[in-house]
Amino acid sequence: LVTTTILERGVTFPCVDVFVVEANHRLFSHSALVQIAG
């Protein structure tokens, strides 16, 4: 599943792996990256 920051929080997927492409893009704030990591 490819997504934007719309799924950075509030949803739980069991056993998922996560890739962030262009993690240094200006739209990925530090709080967004923490949430994504979570």
ModelCIF file with pLDDT and N, C-alpha, C, O atoms, coordinates in Angstrom:
data_MODEL
#
_entry.id   MODEL 
#
_entity.id                         1 
_entity.type                       polymer 
_entity.pdbx_number_of_molecules   1 
#
_entity_poly.entity_id                      1 
_entity_poly.type                           'polypeptide(L)' 
_entity_poly.nstd_linkage                   no 
_entity_poly.nstd_monomer                   no 
_entity_poly.pdbx_seq_one_letter_code       LVTTTILERGVTFPCVDVFVVEANHRLFSHSALVQIAG 
_entity_poly.pdbx_seq_one_letter_code_can   LVTTTILERGVTFPCVDVFVVEANHRLFSHSALVQIAG 
_entity_poly.pdbx_strand_id                 A 
#
loop_
_entity_poly_seq.entity_id 
_entity_poly_seq.num 
_entity_poly_seq.mon_id 
_entity_poly_seq.hetero 
1 1  LEU n 
1 2  VAL n 
1 3  THR n 
1 4  THR n 
1 5  THR n 
1 6  ILE n 
1 7  LEU n 
1 8  GLU n 
1 9  ARG n 
1 10 GLY n 
1 11 VAL n 
1 12 THR n 
1 13 PHE n 
1 14 PRO n 
1 15 CYS n 
1 16 VAL n 
1 17 ASP n 
1 18 VAL n 
1 19 PHE n 
1 20 VAL n 
1 21 VAL n 
1 22 GLU n 
1 23 ALA n 
1 24 ASN n 
1 25 HIS n 
1 26 ARG n 
1 27 LEU n 
1 28 PHE n 
1 29 SER n 
1 30 HIS n 
1 31 SER n 
1 32 ALA n 
1 33 LEU n 
1 34 VAL n 
1 35 GLN n 
1 36 ILE n 
1 37 ALA n 
1 38 GLY n 
#
_struct_asym.id          A 
_struct_asym.entity_id   1 
#
loop_
_ma_qa_metric.id 
_ma_qa_metric.mode 
_ma_qa_metric.name 
_ma_qa_metric.software_group_id 
_ma_qa_metric.type 
1 global pLDDT . pLDDT 
2 local  pLDDT . pLDDT 
#
_ma_qa_metric_global.metric_id      1 
_ma_qa_metric_global.metric_value   91.37 
_ma_qa_metric_global.model_id       1 
_ma_qa_metric_global.ordinal_id     1 
#
loop_
_ma_qa_metric_local.label_asym_id 
_ma_qa_metric_local.label_comp_id 
_ma_qa_metric_local.label_seq_id 
_ma_qa_metric_local.metric_id 
_ma_qa_metric_local.metric_value 
_ma_qa_metric_local.model_id 
_ma_qa_metric_local.ordinal_id 
A LEU 1  2 98.00 1 1  
A VAL 2  2 97.00 1 2  
A THR 3  2 97.00 1 3  
A THR 4  2 94.00 1 4  
A THR 5  2 90.00 1 5  
A ILE 6  2 87.00 1 6  
A LEU 7  2 88.00 1 7  
A GLU 8  2 84.00 1 8  
A ARG 9  2 78.00 1 9  
A GLY 10 2 70.00 1 10 
A VAL 11 2 78.00 1 11 
A THR 12 2 83.00 1 12 
A PHE 13 2 89.00 1 13 
A PRO 14 2 85.00 1 14 
A CYS 15 2 92.00 1 15 
A VAL 16 2 96.00 1 16 
A ASP 17 2 97.00 1 17 
A VAL 18 2 97.00 1 18 
A PHE 19 2 98.00 1 19 
A VAL 20 2 98.00 1 20 
A VAL 21 2 98.00 1 21 
A GLU 22 2 97.00 1 22 
A ALA 23 2 97.00 1 23 
A ASN 24 2 97.00 1 24 
A HIS 25 2 96.00 1 25 
A ARG 26 2 94.00 1 26 
A LEU 27 2 92.00 1 27 
A PHE 28 2 95.00 1 28 
A SER 29 2 90.00 1 29 
A HIS 30 2 89.00 1 30 
A SER 31 2 87.00 1 31 
A ALA 32 2 90.00 1 32 
A LEU 33 2 94.00 1 33 
A VAL 34 2 92.00 1 34 
A GLN 35 2 90.00 1 35 
A ILE 36 2 94.00 1 36 
A ALA 37 2 94.00 1 37 
A GLY 38 2 90.00 1 38 
#
loop_
_atom_site.group_PDB 
_atom_site.id 
_atom_site.type_symbol 
_atom_site.label_atom_id 
_atom_site.label_alt_id 
_atom_site.label_comp_id 
_atom_site.label_asym_id 
_atom_site.label_entity_id 
_atom_site.label_seq_id 
_atom_site.pdbx_PDB_ins_code 
_atom_site.Cartn_x 
_atom_site.Cartn_y 
_atom_site.Cartn_z 
_atom_site.occupancy 
_atom_site.B_iso_or_equiv 
_atom_site.pdbx_formal_charge 
_atom_site.auth_seq_id 
_atom_site.auth_comp_id 
_atom_site.auth_asym_id 
_atom_site.auth_atom_id 
_atom_site.pdbx_PDB_model_num 
ATOM 1   N N  . LEU A 1 1  ? 0.848  -1.194 0.000  1.00 98.00 ? 1  LEU A N  1 
ATOM 2   C CA . LEU A 1 1  ? 0.000  0.000  0.000  1.00 98.00 ? 1  LEU A CA 1 
ATOM 3   C C  . LEU A 1 1  ? 0.882  1.242  0.000  1.00 98.00 ? 1  LEU A C  1 
ATOM 4   O O  . LEU A 1 1  ? 1.690  1.445  0.906  1.00 98.00 ? 1  LEU A O  1 
ATOM 5   N N  . VAL A 1 2  ? 0.714  2.065  -1.026 1.00 97.00 ? 2  VAL A N  1 
ATOM 6   C CA . VAL A 1 2  ? 1.408  3.353  -1.107 1.00 97.00 ? 2  VAL A CA 1 
ATOM 7   C C  . VAL A 1 2  ? 0.460  4.426  -0.582 1.00 97.00 ? 2  VAL A C  1 
ATOM 8   O O  . VAL A 1 2  ? -0.723 4.438  -0.922 1.00 97.00 ? 2  VAL A O  1 
ATOM 9   N N  . THR A 1 3  ? 0.977  5.318  0.238  1.00 97.00 ? 3  THR A N  1 
ATOM 10  C CA . THR A 1 3  ? 0.130  6.335  0.839  1.00 97.00 ? 3  THR A CA 1 
ATOM 11  C C  . THR A 1 3  ? 0.899  7.633  1.049  1.00 97.00 ? 3  THR A C  1 
ATOM 12  O O  . THR A 1 3  ? 2.112  7.699  0.847  1.00 97.00 ? 3  THR A O  1 
ATOM 13  N N  . THR A 1 4  ? 0.171  8.652  1.455  1.00 94.00 ? 4  THR A N  1 
ATOM 14  C CA . THR A 1 4  ? 0.775  9.920  1.861  1.00 94.00 ? 4  THR A CA 1 
ATOM 15  C C  . THR A 1 4  ? 0.731  9.984  3.384  1.00 94.00 ? 4  THR A C  1 
ATOM 16  O O  . THR A 1 4  ? 0.470  8.977  4.043  1.00 94.00 ? 4  THR A O  1 
ATOM 17  N N  . THR A 1 5  ? 0.982  11.154 3.939  1.00 90.00 ? 5  THR A N  1 
ATOM 18  C CA . THR A 1 5  ? 0.942  11.295 5.396  1.00 90.00 ? 5  THR A CA 1 
ATOM 19  C C  . THR A 1 5  ? -0.465 11.131 5.966  1.00 90.00 ? 5  THR A C  1 
ATOM 20  O O  . THR A 1 5  ? -0.643 11.190 7.183  1.00 90.00 ? 5  THR A O  1 
ATOM 21  N N  . ILE A 1 6  ? -1.462 10.926 5.112  1.00 87.00 ? 6  ILE A N  1 
ATOM 22  C CA . ILE A 1 6  ? -2.830 10.726 5.593  1.00 87.00 ? 6  ILE A CA 1 
ATOM 23  C C  . ILE A 1 6  ? -2.910 9.508  6.523  1.00 87.00 ? 6  ILE A C  1 
ATOM 24  O O  . ILE A 1 6  ? -3.782 9.450  7.390  1.00 87.00 ? 6  ILE A O  1 
ATOM 25  N N  . LEU A 1 7  ? -2.001 8.533  6.346  1.00 88.00 ? 7  LEU A N  1 
ATOM 26  C CA . LEU A 1 7  ? -2.002 7.337  7.189  1.00 88.00 ? 7  LEU A CA 1 
ATOM 27  C C  . LEU A 1 7  ? -0.842 7.332  8.188  1.00 88.00 ? 7  LEU A C  1 
ATOM 28  O O  . LEU A 1 7  ? -0.444 6.282  8.692  1.00 88.00 ? 7  LEU A O  1 
ATOM 29  N N  . GLU A 1 8  ? -0.311 8.526  8.462  1.00 84.00 ? 8  GLU A N  1 
ATOM 30  C CA . GLU A 1 8  ? 0.820  8.567  9.400  1.00 84.00 ? 8  GLU A CA 1 
ATOM 31  C C  . GLU A 1 8  ? 0.402  8.228  10.814 1.00 84.00 ? 8  GLU A C  1 
ATOM 32  O O  . GLU A 1 8  ? 1.243  7.856  11.631 1.00 84.00 ? 8  GLU A O  1 
ATOM 33  N N  . ARG A 1 9  ? -0.885 8.349  11.123 1.00 78.00 ? 9  ARG A N  1 
ATOM 34  C CA . ARG A 1 9  ? -1.360 8.140  12.497 1.00 78.00 ? 9  ARG A CA 1 
ATOM 35  C C  . ARG A 1 9  ? -2.802 7.644  12.492 1.00 78.00 ? 9  ARG A C  1 
ATOM 36  O O  . ARG A 1 9  ? -3.506 7.752  11.488 1.00 78.00 ? 9  ARG A O  1 
ATOM 37  N N  . GLY A 1 10 ? -3.226 7.102  13.623 1.00 70.00 ? 10 GLY A N  1 
ATOM 38  C CA . GLY A 1 10 ? -4.624 6.751  13.814 1.00 70.00 ? 10 GLY A CA 1 
ATOM 39  C C  . GLY A 1 10 ? -5.059 5.424  13.245 1.00 70.00 ? 10 GLY A C  1 
ATOM 40  O O  . GLY A 1 10 ? -6.209 5.025  13.427 1.00 70.00 ? 10 GLY A O  1 
ATOM 41  N N  . VAL A 1 11 ? -4.160 4.722  12.552 1.00 78.00 ? 11 VAL A N  1 
ATOM 42  C CA . VAL A 1 11 ? -4.501 3.406  12.016 1.00 78.00 ? 11 VAL A CA 1 
ATOM 43  C C  . VAL A 1 11 ? -3.449 2.392  12.464 1.00 78.00 ? 11 VAL A C  1 
ATOM 44  O O  . VAL A 1 11 ? -2.264 2.711  12.571 1.00 78.00 ? 11 VAL A O  1 
ATOM 45  N N  . THR A 1 12 ? -3.897 1.190  12.719 1.00 83.00 ? 12 THR A N  1 
ATOM 46  C CA . THR A 1 12 ? -2.999 0.124  13.151 1.00 83.00 ? 12 THR A CA 1 
ATOM 47  C C  . THR A 1 12 ? -3.047 -1.021 12.167 1.00 83.00 ? 12 THR A C  1 
ATOM 48  O O  . THR A 1 12 ? -4.118 -1.540 11.855 1.00 83.00 ? 12 THR A O  1 
ATOM 49  N N  . PHE A 1 13 ? -1.870 -1.418 11.673 1.00 89.00 ? 13 PHE A N  1 
ATOM 50  C CA . PHE A 1 13 ? -1.752 -2.575 10.793 1.00 89.00 ? 13 PHE A CA 1 
ATOM 51  C C  . PHE A 1 13 ? -0.818 -3.582 11.465 1.00 89.00 ? 13 PHE A C  1 
ATOM 52  O O  . PHE A 1 13 ? 0.337  -3.258 11.739 1.00 89.00 ? 13 PHE A O  1 
ATOM 53  N N  . PRO A 1 14 ? -1.295 -4.784 11.731 1.00 85.00 ? 14 PRO A N  1 
ATOM 54  C CA . PRO A 1 14 ? -0.420 -5.752 12.389 1.00 85.00 ? 14 PRO A CA 1 
ATOM 55  C C  . PRO A 1 14 ? 0.708  -6.229 11.472 1.00 85.00 ? 14 PRO A C  1 
ATOM 56  O O  . PRO A 1 14 ? 0.494  -6.482 10.287 1.00 85.00 ? 14 PRO A O  1 
ATOM 57  N N  . CYS A 1 15 ? 1.900  -6.345 12.035 1.00 92.00 ? 15 CYS A N  1 
ATOM 58  C CA . CYS A 1 15 ? 3.038  -6.989 11.370 1.00 92.00 ? 15 CYS A CA 1 
ATOM 59  C C  . CYS A 1 15 ? 3.508  -6.283 10.099 1.00 92.00 ? 15 CYS A C  1 
ATOM 60  O O  . CYS A 1 15 ? 4.052  -6.934 9.208  1.00 92.00 ? 15 CYS A O  1 
ATOM 61  N N  . VAL A 1 16 ? 3.312  -4.978 9.994  1.00 96.00 ? 16 VAL A N  1 
ATOM 62  C CA . VAL A 1 16 ? 3.633  -4.256 8.772  1.00 96.00 ? 16 VAL A CA 1 
ATOM 63  C C  . VAL A 1 16 ? 5.092  -3.792 8.764  1.00 96.00 ? 16 VAL A C  1 
ATOM 64  O O  . VAL A 1 16 ? 5.659  -3.506 9.819  1.00 96.00 ? 16 VAL A O  1 
ATOM 65  N N  . ASP A 1 17 ? 5.702  -3.718 7.568  1.00 97.00 ? 17 ASP A N  1 
ATOM 66  C CA . ASP A 1 17 ? 6.981  -3.056 7.356  1.00 97.00 ? 17 ASP A CA 1 
ATOM 67  C C  . ASP A 1 17 ? 6.710  -1.709 6.680  1.00 97.00 ? 17 ASP A C  1 
ATOM 68  O O  . ASP A 1 17 ? 5.724  -1.550 5.961  1.00 97.00 ? 17 ASP A O  1 
ATOM 69  N N  . VAL A 1 18 ? 7.601  -0.746 6.923  1.00 97.00 ? 18 VAL A N  1 
ATOM 70  C CA . VAL A 1 18 ? 7.377  0.599  6.402  1.00 97.00 ? 18 VAL A CA 1 
ATOM 71  C C  . VAL A 1 18 ? 8.616  1.127  5.695  1.00 97.00 ? 18 VAL A C  1 
ATOM 72  O O  . VAL A 1 18 ? 9.724  1.076  6.227  1.00 97.00 ? 18 VAL A O  1 
ATOM 73  N N  . PHE A 1 19 ? 8.403  1.641  4.471  1.00 98.00 ? 19 PHE A N  1 
ATOM 74  C CA . PHE A 1 19 ? 9.421  2.390  3.730  1.00 98.00 ? 19 PHE A CA 1 
ATOM 75  C C  . PHE A 1 19 ? 8.934  3.830  3.581  1.00 98.00 ? 19 PHE A C  1 
ATOM 76  O O  . PHE A 1 19 ? 7.756  4.066  3.310  1.00 98.00 ? 19 PHE A O  1 
ATOM 77  N N  . VAL A 1 20 ? 9.822  4.771  3.755  1.00 98.00 ? 20 VAL A N  1 
ATOM 78  C CA . VAL A 1 20 ? 9.515  6.177  3.455  1.00 98.00 ? 20 VAL A CA 1 
ATOM 79  C C  . VAL A 1 20 ? 10.445 6.621  2.349  1.00 98.00 ? 20 VAL A C  1 
ATOM 80  O O  . VAL A 1 20 ? 11.655 6.709  2.561  1.00 98.00 ? 20 VAL A O  1 
ATOM 81  N N  . VAL A 1 21 ? 9.908  6.905  1.165  1.00 98.00 ? 21 VAL A N  1 
ATOM 82  C CA . VAL A 1 21 ? 10.739 7.389  0.065  1.00 98.00 ? 21 VAL A CA 1 
ATOM 83  C C  . VAL A 1 21 ? 10.796 8.912  0.118  1.00 98.00 ? 21 VAL A C  1 
ATOM 84  O O  . VAL A 1 21 ? 9.805  9.574  0.426  1.00 98.00 ? 21 VAL A O  1 
ATOM 85  N N  . GLU A 1 22 ? 11.956 9.446  -0.182 1.00 97.00 ? 22 GLU A N  1 
ATOM 86  C CA . GLU A 1 22 ? 12.198 10.892 -0.071 1.00 97.00 ? 22 GLU A CA 1 
ATOM 87  C C  . GLU A 1 22 ? 11.867 11.382 1.342  1.00 97.00 ? 22 GLU A C  1 
ATOM 88  O O  . GLU A 1 22 ? 11.158 12.370 1.532  1.00 97.00 ? 22 GLU A O  1 
ATOM 89  N N  . ALA A 1 23 ? 12.406 10.657 2.320  1.00 97.00 ? 23 ALA A N  1 
ATOM 90  C CA . ALA A 1 23 ? 12.131 10.994 3.719  1.00 97.00 ? 23 ALA A CA 1 
ATOM 91  C C  . ALA A 1 23 ? 12.595 12.398 4.083  1.00 97.00 ? 23 ALA A C  1 
ATOM 92  O O  . ALA A 1 23 ? 12.124 12.976 5.063  1.00 97.00 ? 23 ALA A O  1 
ATOM 93  N N  . ASN A 1 24 ? 13.508 12.940 3.307  1.00 97.00 ? 24 ASN A N  1 
ATOM 94  C CA . ASN A 1 24 ? 14.008 14.297 3.549  1.00 97.00 ? 24 ASN A CA 1 
ATOM 95  C C  . ASN A 1 24 ? 13.180 15.366 2.848  1.00 97.00 ? 24 ASN A C  1 
ATOM 96  O O  . ASN A 1 24 ? 13.563 16.536 2.848  1.00 97.00 ? 24 ASN A O  1 
ATOM 97  N N  . HIS A 1 25 ? 12.061 14.989 2.254  1.00 96.00 ? 25 HIS A N  1 
ATOM 98  C CA . HIS A 1 25 ? 11.173 15.959 1.621  1.00 96.00 ? 25 HIS A CA 1 
ATOM 99  C C  . HIS A 1 25 ? 10.592 16.901 2.678  1.00 96.00 ? 25 HIS A C  1 
ATOM 100 O O  . HIS A 1 25 ? 10.344 16.487 3.811  1.00 96.00 ? 25 HIS A O  1 
ATOM 101 N N  . ARG A 1 26 ? 10.376 18.164 2.310  1.00 94.00 ? 26 ARG A N  1 
ATOM 102 C CA . ARG A 1 26 ? 9.906  19.190 3.259  1.00 94.00 ? 26 ARG A CA 1 
ATOM 103 C C  . ARG A 1 26 ? 8.555  18.837 3.885  1.00 94.00 ? 26 ARG A C  1 
ATOM 104 O O  . ARG A 1 26 ? 8.249  19.316 4.977  1.00 94.00 ? 26 ARG A O  1 
ATOM 105 N N  . LEU A 1 27 ? 7.744  18.015 3.225  1.00 92.00 ? 27 LEU A N  1 
ATOM 106 C CA . LEU A 1 27 ? 6.430  17.673 3.764  1.00 92.00 ? 27 LEU A CA 1 
ATOM 107 C C  . LEU A 1 27 ? 6.482  16.639 4.883  1.00 92.00 ? 27 LEU A C  1 
ATOM 108 O O  . LEU A 1 27 ? 5.490  16.426 5.579  1.00 92.00 ? 27 LEU A O  1 
ATOM 109 N N  . PHE A 1 28 ? 7.623  16.001 5.057  1.00 95.00 ? 28 PHE A N  1 
ATOM 110 C CA . PHE A 1 28 ? 7.786  15.069 6.170  1.00 95.00 ? 28 PHE A CA 1 
ATOM 111 C C  . PHE A 1 28 ? 8.411  15.809 7.351  1.00 95.00 ? 28 PHE A C  1 
ATOM 112 O O  . PHE A 1 28 ? 9.633  15.933 7.435  1.00 95.00 ? 28 PHE A O  1 
ATOM 113 N N  . SER A 1 29 ? 7.578  16.293 8.253  1.00 90.00 ? 29 SER A N  1 
ATOM 114 C CA . SER A 1 29 ? 8.075  16.942 9.463  1.00 90.00 ? 29 SER A CA 1 
ATOM 115 C C  . SER A 1 29 ? 8.627  15.888 10.418 1.00 90.00 ? 29 SER A C  1 
ATOM 116 O O  . SER A 1 29 ? 8.425  14.692 10.210 1.00 90.00 ? 29 SER A O  1 
ATOM 117 N N  . HIS A 1 30 ? 9.315  16.325 11.451 1.00 89.00 ? 30 HIS A N  1 
ATOM 118 C CA . HIS A 1 30 ? 9.857  15.343 12.391 1.00 89.00 ? 30 HIS A CA 1 
ATOM 119 C C  . HIS A 1 30 ? 8.733  14.601 13.103 1.00 89.00 ? 30 HIS A C  1 
ATOM 120 O O  . HIS A 1 30 ? 8.852  13.400 13.344 1.00 89.00 ? 30 HIS A O  1 
ATOM 121 N N  . SER A 1 31 ? 7.641  15.289 13.447 1.00 87.00 ? 31 SER A N  1 
ATOM 122 C CA . SER A 1 31 ? 6.528  14.620 14.128 1.00 87.00 ? 31 SER A CA 1 
ATOM 123 C C  . SER A 1 31 ? 5.850  13.617 13.196 1.00 87.00 ? 31 SER A C  1 
ATOM 124 O O  . SER A 1 31 ? 5.426  12.549 13.638 1.00 87.00 ? 31 SER A O  1 
ATOM 125 N N  . ALA A 1 32 ? 5.743  13.956 11.903 1.00 90.00 ? 32 ALA A N  1 
ATOM 126 C CA . ALA A 1 32 ? 5.176  13.016 10.926 1.00 90.00 ? 32 ALA A CA 1 
ATOM 127 C C  . ALA A 1 32 ? 6.041  11.763 10.826 1.00 90.00 ? 32 ALA A C  1 
ATOM 128 O O  . ALA A 1 32 ? 5.518  10.650 10.763 1.00 90.00 ? 32 ALA A O  1 
ATOM 129 N N  . LEU A 1 33 ? 7.354  11.938 10.811 1.00 94.00 ? 33 LEU A N  1 
ATOM 130 C CA . LEU A 1 33 ? 8.266  10.793 10.712 1.00 94.00 ? 33 LEU A CA 1 
ATOM 131 C C  . LEU A 1 33 ? 8.203  9.920  11.963 1.00 94.00 ? 33 LEU A C  1 
ATOM 132 O O  . LEU A 1 33 ? 8.286  8.696  11.867 1.00 94.00 ? 33 LEU A O  1 
ATOM 133 N N  . VAL A 1 34 ? 8.056  10.537 13.133 1.00 92.00 ? 34 VAL A N  1 
ATOM 134 C CA . VAL A 1 34 ? 7.894  9.762  14.369 1.00 92.00 ? 34 VAL A CA 1 
ATOM 135 C C  . VAL A 1 34 ? 6.611  8.935  14.304 1.00 92.00 ? 34 VAL A C  1 
ATOM 136 O O  . VAL A 1 34 ? 6.602  7.757  14.662 1.00 92.00 ? 34 VAL A O  1 
ATOM 137 N N  . GLN A 1 35 ? 5.532  9.564  13.845 1.00 90.00 ? 35 GLN A N  1 
ATOM 138 C CA . GLN A 1 35 ? 4.259  8.858  13.727 1.00 90.00 ? 35 GLN A CA 1 
ATOM 139 C C  . GLN A 1 35 ? 4.348  7.727  12.706 1.00 90.00 ? 35 GLN A C  1 
ATOM 140 O O  . GLN A 1 35 ? 3.854  6.627  12.955 1.00 90.00 ? 35 GLN A O  1 
ATOM 141 N N  . ILE A 1 36 ? 4.967  7.988  11.570 1.00 94.00 ? 36 ILE A N  1 
ATOM 142 C CA . ILE A 1 36 ? 5.143  6.964  10.540 1.00 94.00 ? 36 ILE A CA 1 
ATOM 143 C C  . ILE A 1 36 ? 5.934  5.784  11.103 1.00 94.00 ? 36 ILE A C  1 
ATOM 144 O O  . ILE A 1 36 ? 5.575  4.624  10.903 1.00 94.00 ? 36 ILE A O  1 
ATOM 145 N N  . ALA A 1 37 ? 7.010  6.104  11.804 1.00 94.00 ? 37 ALA A N  1 
ATOM 146 C CA . ALA A 1 37 ? 7.835  5.061  12.418 1.00 94.00 ? 37 ALA A CA 1 
ATOM 147 C C  . ALA A 1 37 ? 7.011  4.199  13.368 1.00 94.00 ? 37 ALA A C  1 
ATOM 148 O O  . ALA A 1 37 ? 7.248  3.000  13.512 1.00 94.00 ? 37 ALA A O  1 
ATOM 149 N N  . GLY A 1 38 ? 6.046  4.832  14.005 1.00 90.00 ? 38 GLY A N  1 
ATOM 150 C CA . GLY A 1 38 ? 5.210  4.127  14.966 1.00 90.00 ? 38 GLY A CA 1 
ATOM 151 C C  . GLY A 1 38 ? 4.256  3.116  14.382 1.00 90.00 ? 38 GLY A C  1 
ATOM 152 O O  . GLY A 1 38 ? 3.510  2.472  15.120 1.00 90.00 ? 38 GLY A O  1 
#
